[in-house]
Amino acid sequence: MAQQGHIVPYRTFVLVWLALLVLTVITVAVTRIEVGAWKIWTALGIATVKSALVVFFFMHMKYEPLYYRIYLYLTLLILAIFIGLTFSDVHYRITP
């Protein structure tokens, strides 16, 4: 049995693309403001939102079965843990 495809209107793709452009502008604007360590966390947060938009809409993860999404979330959680541990290691290695 062939799997039925889903039709996504062009309007959805255009809106997601515009959201990605706006988030890119916000990322560039944040780099111009001096907020210390929050600059990195803000950029990472915006990058997370942008990657979620790409994965869910352009890569059609939104329309996949639940178990595929669970595997994706689990993988991203493990990745986030490794990145967090790396940041904490580097943070505590810096001498004041």
N, C-alpha and C. Protein backbone atom coordinates (compact mmCIF):
# COMPACT_ATOMS: atom_id res chain seq x y z
N MET A 1 0.84 -1.17 0.00
CA MET A 1 0.00 0.00 0.00
C MET A 1 0.89 1.24 0.00
N ALA A 2 0.64 2.13 -0.90
CA ALA A 2 1.43 3.36 -1.00
C ALA A 2 1.00 4.35 0.07
N GLN A 3 1.97 5.04 0.61
CA GLN A 3 1.67 6.02 1.64
C GLN A 3 1.17 7.30 0.98
N GLN A 4 0.09 7.83 1.52
CA GLN A 4 -0.48 9.06 0.98
C GLN A 4 0.37 10.24 1.43
N GLY A 5 0.62 11.14 0.51
CA GLY A 5 1.37 12.34 0.83
C GLY A 5 0.45 13.40 1.43
N HIS A 6 1.04 14.42 1.91
CA HIS A 6 0.26 15.53 2.45
C HIS A 6 0.59 16.77 1.63
N ILE A 7 -0.40 17.60 1.49
CA ILE A 7 -0.22 18.82 0.71
C ILE A 7 -0.13 20.00 1.68
N VAL A 8 0.96 20.71 1.60
CA VAL A 8 1.17 21.88 2.43
C VAL A 8 1.04 23.11 1.54
N PRO A 9 0.20 24.04 1.93
CA PRO A 9 0.04 25.23 1.08
C PRO A 9 1.32 26.07 1.04
N TYR A 10 1.52 26.75 -0.07
CA TYR A 10 2.69 27.61 -0.22
C TYR A 10 2.70 28.70 0.84
N ARG A 11 1.54 29.12 1.25
CA ARG A 11 1.43 30.17 2.27
C ARG A 11 2.17 29.76 3.55
N THR A 12 2.06 28.51 3.94
CA THR A 12 2.75 28.01 5.13
C THR A 12 4.26 28.13 4.97
N PHE A 13 4.76 27.71 3.82
CA PHE A 13 6.20 27.79 3.59
C PHE A 13 6.68 29.24 3.56
N VAL A 14 5.90 30.12 2.97
CA VAL A 14 6.28 31.54 2.91
C VAL A 14 6.29 32.14 4.31
N LEU A 15 5.30 31.81 5.13
CA LEU A 15 5.26 32.33 6.50
C LEU A 15 6.43 31.82 7.34
N VAL A 16 6.76 30.55 7.17
CA VAL A 16 7.90 30.00 7.91
C VAL A 16 9.19 30.66 7.43
N TRP A 17 9.32 30.85 6.14
CA TRP A 17 10.51 31.50 5.59
C TRP A 17 10.63 32.93 6.13
N LEU A 18 9.51 33.66 6.18
CA LEU A 18 9.54 35.02 6.73
C LEU A 18 9.90 35.01 8.21
N ALA A 19 9.40 34.03 8.93
CA ALA A 19 9.75 33.91 10.36
C ALA A 19 11.25 33.65 10.51
N LEU A 20 11.81 32.82 9.63
CA LEU A 20 13.26 32.57 9.67
C LEU A 20 14.05 33.84 9.38
N LEU A 21 13.58 34.64 8.43
CA LEU A 21 14.25 35.91 8.13
C LEU A 21 14.19 36.87 9.32
N VAL A 22 13.02 36.97 9.94
CA VAL A 22 12.87 37.85 11.11
C VAL A 22 13.77 37.39 12.25
N LEU A 23 13.81 36.08 12.49
CA LEU A 23 14.68 35.56 13.55
C LEU A 23 16.15 35.79 13.24
N THR A 24 16.53 35.76 11.97
CA THR A 24 17.91 36.06 11.59
C THR A 24 18.24 37.52 11.88
N VAL A 25 17.32 38.41 11.55
CA VAL A 25 17.52 39.84 11.84
C VAL A 25 17.64 40.05 13.35
N ILE A 26 16.81 39.36 14.12
CA ILE A 26 16.88 39.50 15.59
C ILE A 26 18.23 38.98 16.10
N THR A 27 18.71 37.89 15.54
CA THR A 27 20.01 37.35 15.95
C THR A 27 21.12 38.36 15.68
N VAL A 28 21.10 38.98 14.51
CA VAL A 28 22.12 39.97 14.18
C VAL A 28 21.99 41.19 15.11
N ALA A 29 20.76 41.59 15.41
CA ALA A 29 20.55 42.74 16.30
C ALA A 29 21.07 42.44 17.71
N VAL A 30 20.89 41.21 18.16
CA VAL A 30 21.36 40.84 19.50
C VAL A 30 22.88 40.93 19.58
N THR A 31 23.58 40.64 18.50
CA THR A 31 25.04 40.70 18.53
C THR A 31 25.54 42.13 18.68
N ARG A 32 24.72 43.08 18.34
CA ARG A 32 25.11 44.50 18.45
C ARG A 32 24.87 45.08 19.84
N ILE A 33 24.15 44.35 20.69
CA ILE A 33 23.84 44.80 22.04
C ILE A 33 24.78 44.09 23.02
N GLU A 34 25.32 44.82 23.96
CA GLU A 34 26.23 44.22 24.94
C GLU A 34 25.43 43.78 26.16
N VAL A 35 25.21 42.47 26.27
CA VAL A 35 24.48 41.92 27.41
C VAL A 35 25.27 40.80 28.09
N GLY A 36 26.55 40.74 27.80
CA GLY A 36 27.42 39.75 28.45
C GLY A 36 27.15 38.34 27.96
N ALA A 37 27.04 37.41 28.92
CA ALA A 37 26.85 36.00 28.58
C ALA A 37 25.48 35.73 27.99
N TRP A 38 24.54 36.63 28.22
CA TRP A 38 23.19 36.44 27.66
C TRP A 38 23.19 36.50 26.14
N LYS A 39 24.21 37.10 25.57
CA LYS A 39 24.30 37.17 24.11
C LYS A 39 24.38 35.76 23.51
N ILE A 40 25.18 34.91 24.11
CA ILE A 40 25.34 33.53 23.62
C ILE A 40 24.04 32.76 23.81
N TRP A 41 23.45 32.86 25.00
CA TRP A 41 22.23 32.11 25.28
C TRP A 41 21.07 32.57 24.40
N THR A 42 20.99 33.86 24.14
CA THR A 42 19.95 34.37 23.25
C THR A 42 20.15 33.85 21.83
N ALA A 43 21.36 33.90 21.35
CA ALA A 43 21.65 33.39 20.01
C ALA A 43 21.36 31.90 19.90
N LEU A 44 21.72 31.13 20.92
CA LEU A 44 21.43 29.70 20.91
C LEU A 44 19.93 29.43 20.97
N GLY A 45 19.20 30.22 21.73
CA GLY A 45 17.75 30.07 21.81
C GLY A 45 17.08 30.35 20.47
N ILE A 46 17.51 31.42 19.83
CA ILE A 46 16.95 31.76 18.51
C ILE A 46 17.32 30.69 17.49
N ALA A 47 18.54 30.20 17.55
CA ALA A 47 18.97 29.13 16.63
C ALA A 47 18.15 27.86 16.85
N THR A 48 17.78 27.59 18.08
CA THR A 48 16.95 26.43 18.37
C THR A 48 15.57 26.57 17.75
N VAL A 49 14.99 27.75 17.87
CA VAL A 49 13.68 28.00 17.28
C VAL A 49 13.75 27.89 15.76
N LYS A 50 14.80 28.45 15.18
CA LYS A 50 14.96 28.39 13.72
C LYS A 50 15.13 26.96 13.24
N SER A 51 15.93 26.18 13.94
CA SER A 51 16.11 24.79 13.52
C SER A 51 14.83 23.98 13.69
N ALA A 52 14.05 24.28 14.73
CA ALA A 52 12.77 23.60 14.91
C ALA A 52 11.82 23.92 13.76
N LEU A 53 11.78 25.17 13.33
CA LEU A 53 10.94 25.54 12.19
C LEU A 53 11.35 24.78 10.93
N VAL A 54 12.64 24.70 10.69
CA VAL A 54 13.13 23.99 9.50
C VAL A 54 12.78 22.51 9.57
N VAL A 55 13.02 21.89 10.72
CA VAL A 55 12.76 20.46 10.85
C VAL A 55 11.27 20.15 10.72
N PHE A 56 10.44 20.93 11.39
CA PHE A 56 9.02 20.60 11.41
C PHE A 56 8.28 20.96 10.13
N PHE A 57 8.68 22.02 9.47
CA PHE A 57 7.93 22.42 8.28
C PHE A 57 8.63 22.04 6.98
N PHE A 58 9.89 22.41 6.81
CA PHE A 58 10.57 22.12 5.56
C PHE A 58 10.95 20.65 5.43
N MET A 59 11.23 19.99 6.56
CA MET A 59 11.57 18.57 6.52
C MET A 59 10.36 17.69 6.86
N HIS A 60 9.21 18.29 7.05
CA HIS A 60 7.92 17.62 7.23
C HIS A 60 7.85 16.71 8.45
N MET A 61 8.62 16.97 9.48
CA MET A 61 8.55 16.15 10.68
C MET A 61 7.19 16.31 11.36
N LYS A 62 6.53 17.41 11.13
CA LYS A 62 5.22 17.67 11.71
C LYS A 62 4.21 16.61 11.29
N TYR A 63 4.40 16.02 10.13
CA TYR A 63 3.45 15.08 9.58
C TYR A 63 3.87 13.62 9.76
N GLU A 64 4.95 13.38 10.44
CA GLU A 64 5.43 12.02 10.66
C GLU A 64 4.73 11.40 11.87
N PRO A 65 4.79 10.07 11.99
CA PRO A 65 4.18 9.41 13.16
C PRO A 65 4.86 9.83 14.45
N LEU A 66 4.14 9.62 15.55
CA LEU A 66 4.60 10.07 16.87
C LEU A 66 5.93 9.45 17.25
N TYR A 67 6.16 8.18 16.96
CA TYR A 67 7.40 7.54 17.39
C TYR A 67 8.63 8.15 16.72
N TYR A 68 8.50 8.64 15.48
CA TYR A 68 9.62 9.35 14.86
C TYR A 68 9.92 10.64 15.60
N ARG A 69 8.89 11.35 15.99
CA ARG A 69 9.09 12.59 16.73
C ARG A 69 9.69 12.33 18.10
N ILE A 70 9.29 11.24 18.74
CA ILE A 70 9.86 10.89 20.04
C ILE A 70 11.36 10.60 19.90
N TYR A 71 11.74 9.86 18.85
CA TYR A 71 13.16 9.60 18.61
C TYR A 71 13.92 10.90 18.37
N LEU A 72 13.32 11.80 17.64
CA LEU A 72 13.96 13.10 17.39
C LEU A 72 14.15 13.87 18.69
N TYR A 73 13.08 13.95 19.51
CA TYR A 73 13.18 14.67 20.78
C TYR A 73 14.23 14.05 21.70
N LEU A 74 14.27 12.73 21.74
CA LEU A 74 15.26 12.05 22.58
C LEU A 74 16.68 12.35 22.11
N THR A 75 16.88 12.30 20.81
CA THR A 75 18.20 12.61 20.25
C THR A 75 18.61 14.04 20.54
N LEU A 76 17.68 14.98 20.36
CA LEU A 76 17.99 16.38 20.64
C LEU A 76 18.24 16.62 22.12
N LEU A 77 17.52 15.90 22.99
CA LEU A 77 17.76 16.03 24.43
C LEU A 77 19.17 15.56 24.79
N ILE A 78 19.58 14.44 24.23
CA ILE A 78 20.93 13.93 24.49
C ILE A 78 21.98 14.91 23.96
N LEU A 79 21.75 15.47 22.78
CA LEU A 79 22.65 16.47 22.23
C LEU A 79 22.73 17.70 23.14
N ALA A 80 21.58 18.16 23.63
CA ALA A 80 21.55 19.32 24.52
C ALA A 80 22.31 19.03 25.82
N ILE A 81 22.19 17.83 26.32
CA ILE A 81 22.93 17.47 27.54
C ILE A 81 24.43 17.53 27.29
N PHE A 82 24.88 16.97 26.16
CA PHE A 82 26.31 17.01 25.85
C PHE A 82 26.80 18.44 25.67
N ILE A 83 26.04 19.26 24.99
CA ILE A 83 26.43 20.66 24.80
C ILE A 83 26.47 21.38 26.14
N GLY A 84 25.45 21.15 26.98
CA GLY A 84 25.43 21.77 28.30
C GLY A 84 26.60 21.35 29.16
N LEU A 85 26.95 20.07 29.12
CA LEU A 85 28.10 19.60 29.89
C LEU A 85 29.40 20.21 29.36
N THR A 86 29.49 20.38 28.05
CA THR A 86 30.68 21.00 27.47
C THR A 86 30.79 22.45 27.91
N PHE A 87 29.67 23.19 27.88
CA PHE A 87 29.69 24.58 28.32
C PHE A 87 30.07 24.69 29.79
N SER A 88 29.52 23.80 30.63
CA SER A 88 29.85 23.88 32.06
C SER A 88 31.32 23.55 32.30
N ASP A 89 31.86 22.60 31.54
CA ASP A 89 33.28 22.26 31.68
C ASP A 89 34.16 23.44 31.30
N VAL A 90 33.86 24.06 30.18
CA VAL A 90 34.65 25.22 29.74
C VAL A 90 34.48 26.38 30.72
N HIS A 91 33.27 26.56 31.24
CA HIS A 91 33.01 27.66 32.17
C HIS A 91 33.86 27.51 33.45
N TYR A 92 33.97 26.29 33.97
CA TYR A 92 34.71 26.10 35.21
C TYR A 92 36.21 26.00 35.00
N ARG A 93 36.67 25.88 33.77
CA ARG A 93 38.11 25.85 33.51
C ARG A 93 38.72 27.25 33.46
N ILE A 94 37.90 28.23 33.17
CA ILE A 94 38.41 29.60 33.06
C ILE A 94 38.78 30.11 34.45
N THR A 95 40.00 30.59 34.58
CA THR A 95 40.43 31.11 35.88
C THR A 95 40.07 32.59 35.97
N PRO A 96 39.59 33.00 37.14
CA PRO A 96 39.18 34.41 37.31
C PRO A 96 40.33 35.38 37.32
